[in-house]
Amino acid sequence: FQTTRLEFHVPSVMSLR
């Protein structure tokens, strides 16, 4: 279940930038 968390965190950081 770590892959799902990483995928969710990647888009979140991109949107913030």
N, C-alpha and C. Protein backbone atom coordinates (compact mmCIF):
# COMPACT_ATOMS: atom_id res chain seq x y z
N PHE A 1 0.85 -1.22 0.00
CA PHE A 1 0.00 0.00 0.00
C PHE A 1 0.87 1.25 0.00
N GLN A 2 2.17 1.05 -0.16
CA GLN A 2 3.05 2.23 -0.15
C GLN A 2 3.08 2.91 -1.54
N THR A 3 2.81 2.11 -2.55
CA THR A 3 2.84 2.67 -3.92
C THR A 3 1.72 3.69 -4.10
N THR A 4 0.57 3.37 -3.52
CA THR A 4 -0.57 4.29 -3.66
C THR A 4 -0.27 5.62 -2.95
N ARG A 5 0.38 5.53 -1.85
CA ARG A 5 0.67 6.76 -1.08
C ARG A 5 1.69 7.60 -1.85
N LEU A 6 2.64 6.96 -2.46
CA LEU A 6 3.67 7.70 -3.20
C LEU A 6 3.04 8.38 -4.43
N GLU A 7 2.15 7.67 -5.09
CA GLU A 7 1.50 8.24 -6.29
C GLU A 7 0.63 9.43 -5.89
N PHE A 8 0.10 9.37 -4.70
CA PHE A 8 -0.78 10.46 -4.24
C PHE A 8 0.04 11.67 -3.80
N HIS A 9 1.23 11.38 -3.36
CA HIS A 9 2.09 12.46 -2.87
C HIS A 9 2.80 13.17 -4.04
N VAL A 10 3.07 12.43 -5.08
CA VAL A 10 3.77 13.00 -6.25
C VAL A 10 2.95 14.13 -6.89
N PRO A 11 1.69 13.89 -7.20
CA PRO A 11 0.83 14.92 -7.82
C PRO A 11 0.60 16.10 -6.87
N SER A 12 0.59 15.81 -5.60
CA SER A 12 0.35 16.88 -4.61
C SER A 12 1.52 17.87 -4.62
N VAL A 13 2.72 17.37 -4.73
CA VAL A 13 3.91 18.24 -4.73
C VAL A 13 3.97 19.02 -6.05
N MET A 14 3.64 18.36 -7.14
CA MET A 14 3.68 19.01 -8.46
C MET A 14 2.67 20.17 -8.51
N SER A 15 1.55 19.96 -7.90
CA SER A 15 0.50 20.99 -7.91
C SER A 15 0.94 22.18 -7.04
N LEU A 16 1.66 21.87 -6.00
CA LEU A 16 2.10 22.94 -5.08
C LEU A 16 3.16 23.80 -5.77
N ARG A 17 3.97 23.16 -6.60
CA ARG A 17 5.08 23.87 -7.24
C ARG A 17 4.49 24.75 -8.30
